[in-house]
C-alpha atoms as a PDB file:
ATOM      1  CA  UNK A   1       0.000   0.000   0.000  1.00  0.00           C
ATOM      2  CA  UNK A   2       1.447   3.349  -1.007  1.00  0.00           C
ATOM      3  CA  UNK A   3       1.034   6.451   1.150  1.00  0.00           C
ATOM      4  CA  UNK A   4       3.015   8.790  -1.100  1.00  0.00           C
ATOM      5  CA  UNK A   5       0.073  10.051  -3.153  1.00  0.00           C
ATOM      6  CA  UNK A   6      -2.107  11.439  -0.365  1.00  0.00           C
ATOM      7  CA  UNK A   7      -0.597  10.909   3.095  1.00  0.00           C
ATOM      8  CA  UNK A   8      -3.281  12.880   4.958  1.00  0.00           C
ATOM      9  CA  UNK A   9      -6.242  11.030   3.492  1.00  0.00           C
ATOM     10  CA  UNK A  10      -4.481   7.671   3.686  1.00  0.00           C
ATOM     11  CA  UNK A  11      -3.579   8.225   7.342  1.00  0.00           C
ATOM     12  CA  UNK A  12      -7.183   9.028   8.195  1.00  0.00           C
ATOM     13  CA  UNK A  13      -8.398   5.840   6.501  1.00  0.00           C
ATOM     14  CA  UNK A  14      -5.801   3.605   8.175  1.00  0.00           C
ATOM     15  CA  UNK A  15      -6.603   4.341  11.801  1.00  0.00           C
ATOM     16  CA  UNK A  16      -9.439   3.252  14.019  1.00  0.00           C
ATOM     17  CA  UNK A  17     -10.245   6.299  16.149  1.00  0.00           C
ATOM     18  CA  UNK A  18      -7.283   8.545  15.364  1.00  0.00           C
ATOM     19  CA  UNK A  19      -5.988   8.692  18.928  1.00  0.00           C
ATOM     20  CA  UNK A  20      -2.484   7.403  18.189  1.00  0.00           C
ATOM     21  CA  UNK A  21      -2.278   9.618  15.100  1.00  0.00           C
ATOM     22  CA  UNK A  22      -3.344  12.698  17.076  1.00  0.00           C
ATOM     23  CA  UNK A  23      -0.854  12.040  19.884  1.00  0.00           C
ATOM     24  CA  UNK A  24       1.936  11.388  17.396  1.00  0.00           C
ATOM     25  CA  UNK A  25       1.052  14.602  15.554  1.00  0.00           C
ATOM     26  CA  UNK A  26       0.956  16.642  18.773  1.00  0.00           C
ATOM     27  CA  UNK A  27       4.253  15.333  20.132  1.00  0.00           C
ATOM     28  CA  UNK A  28       6.061  14.960  16.806  1.00  0.00           C
ATOM     29  CA  UNK A  29       6.704  11.226  16.519  1.00  0.00           C
ATOM     30  CA  UNK A  30       5.531   8.411  14.289  1.00  0.00           C
ATOM     31  CA  UNK A  31       2.178   7.083  15.583  1.00  0.00           C
ATOM     32  CA  UNK A  32       3.142   3.588  14.451  1.00  0.00           C
ATOM     33  CA  UNK A  33       5.481   3.378  17.466  1.00  0.00           C
ATOM     34  CA  UNK A  34       2.592   4.045  19.837  1.00  0.00           C
ATOM     35  CA  UNK A  35       0.385   1.547  18.015  1.00  0.00           C
ATOM     36  CA  UNK A  36       3.040  -1.183  18.296  1.00  0.00           C
ATOM     37  CA  UNK A  37       3.615  -0.477  21.991  1.00  0.00           C
ATOM     38  CA  UNK A  38      -0.137  -0.659  22.654  1.00  0.00           C
ATOM     39  CA  UNK A  39      -0.364  -3.927  20.705  1.00  0.00           C
ATOM     40  CA  UNK A  40       2.417  -5.423  22.817  1.00  0.00           C
ATOM     41  CA  UNK A  41       0.943  -4.055  26.063  1.00  0.00           C
ATOM     42  CA  UNK A  42      -2.495  -5.511  25.338  1.00  0.00           C
ATOM     43  CA  UNK A  43      -0.978  -9.001  25.427  1.00  0.00           C
ATOM     44  CA  UNK A  44       0.217  -8.538  29.006  1.00  0.00           C
ATOM     45  CA  UNK A  45      -2.621  -6.450  30.464  1.00  0.00           C
ATOM     46  CA  UNK A  46      -5.662  -5.879  28.263  1.00  0.00           C
ATOM     47  CA  UNK A  47      -7.660  -3.996  30.920  1.00  0.00           C
ATOM     48  CA  UNK A  48      -4.926  -1.472  31.709  1.00  0.00           C
ATOM     49  CA  UNK A  49      -4.062  -1.010  28.058  1.00  0.00           C
ATOM     50  CA  UNK A  50      -7.670  -0.319  27.084  1.00  0.00           C
ATOM     51  CA  UNK A  51      -8.028   2.016  30.072  1.00  0.00           C
ATOM     52  CA  UNK A  52      -4.868   3.886  29.014  1.00  0.00           C
ATOM     53  CA  UNK A  53      -6.129   4.089  25.415  1.00  0.00           C
ATOM     54  CA  UNK A  54      -9.478   5.460  26.620  1.00  0.00           C
ATOM     55  CA  UNK A  55      -7.678   8.015  28.813  1.00  0.00           C
ATOM     56  CA  UNK A  56      -5.555   9.089  25.834  1.00  0.00           C
ATOM     57  CA  UNK A  57      -8.747   9.438  23.804  1.00  0.00           C
ATOM     58  CA  UNK A  58     -10.308  11.696  26.435  1.00  0.00           C
ATOM     59  CA  UNK A  59      -7.093  13.761  26.577  1.00  0.00           C
ATOM     60  CA  UNK A  60      -7.036  14.149  22.780  1.00  0.00           C
ATOM     61  CA  UNK A  61     -10.709  15.121  22.705  1.00  0.00           C
ATOM     62  CA  UNK A  62     -10.188  17.692  25.469  1.00  0.00           C
ATOM     63  CA  UNK A  63      -7.116  19.167  23.783  1.00  0.00           C
ATOM     64  CA  UNK A  64      -8.934  19.447  20.446  1.00  0.00           C
ATOM     65  CA  UNK A  65     -11.936  21.144  22.049  1.00  0.00           C
ATOM     66  CA  UNK A  66      -9.954  23.518  24.290  1.00  0.00           C
ATOM     67  CA  UNK A  67      -7.117  24.500  21.958  1.00  0.00           C
ATOM     68  CA  UNK A  68      -8.139  25.193  18.404  1.00  0.00           C
ATOM     69  CA  UNK A  69      -5.452  25.102  15.768  1.00  0.00           C
ATOM     70  CA  UNK A  70      -5.519  28.043  13.369  1.00  0.00           C
ATOM     71  CA  UNK A  71      -6.413  27.217   9.804  1.00  0.00           C
ATOM     72  CA  UNK A  72      -3.737  27.782   7.227  1.00  0.00           C
ATOM     73  CA  UNK A  73      -4.384  30.717   4.926  1.00  0.00           C
ATOM     74  CA  UNK A  74      -4.459  30.107   1.216  1.00  0.00           C
ATOM     75  CA  UNK A  75      -1.233  31.313  -0.411  1.00  0.00           C
ATOM     76  CA  UNK A  76      -1.623  34.536  -2.351  1.00  0.00           C
ATOM     77  CA  UNK A  77       0.196  34.869  -5.675  1.00  0.00           C
ATOM     78  CA  UNK A  78       3.145  37.207  -5.391  1.00  0.00           C
ATOM     79  CA  UNK A  79       4.638  39.610  -7.904  1.00  0.00           C
ATOM     80  CA  UNK A  80       7.555  37.203  -8.405  1.00  0.00           C
ATOM     81  CA  UNK A  81       5.223  34.590  -9.907  1.00  0.00           C
ATOM     82  CA  UNK A  82       3.475  36.994 -12.286  1.00  0.00           C
ATOM     83  CA  UNK A  83       3.938  36.499 -16.023  1.00  0.00           C
ATOM     84  CA  UNK A  84       5.284  39.534 -17.849  1.00  0.00           C
ATOM     85  CA  UNK A  85       4.869  39.547 -21.630  1.00  0.00           C
ATOM     86  CA  UNK A  86       8.038  40.505 -23.475  1.00  0.00           C
ATOM     87  CA  UNK A  87       7.799  41.606 -27.125  1.00  0.00           C
ATOM     88  CA  UNK A  88      10.197  40.016 -29.585  1.00  0.00           C
ATOM     89  CA  UNK A  89      11.314  41.334 -32.950  1.00  0.00           C
ATOM     90  CA  UNK A  90       8.757  39.599 -35.181  1.00  0.00           C
ATOM     91  CA  UNK A  91       5.748  40.946 -33.262  1.00  0.00           C
ATOM     92  CA  UNK A  92       4.999  37.922 -31.064  1.00  0.00           C
ATOM     93  CA  UNK A  93       5.159  38.097 -27.284  1.00  0.00           C
ATOM     94  CA  UNK A  94       6.854  35.568 -25.000  1.00  0.00           C
ATOM     95  CA  UNK A  95       6.397  35.242 -21.254  1.00  0.00           C
ATOM     96  CA  UNK A  96       9.372  36.335 -19.168  1.00  0.00           C
ATOM     97  CA  UNK A  97      10.299  33.760 -16.533  1.00  0.00           C
ATOM     98  CA  UNK A  98      10.613  35.163 -13.036  1.00  0.00           C
END
């Protein structure tokens, strides 16, 4: 399975509730590491692992409701990307690369 085409949409489809992804995004690490550690921990203590996962879910929900992330503004075209027509000797115009 390839994630190179659309990593954001693929990541949202690959997770169950998004808790590990959200924690990994907030703290800057790969959520796969948290998923593997939870998978190993559930073998030894399923009750505590599920309780910890539920607590992480409540923490993620609270952080998302209390602290809103600002939306990214759409980039505005700058003067450096504008196309300037340049006349050539035979009457045609060519675009000048910035």
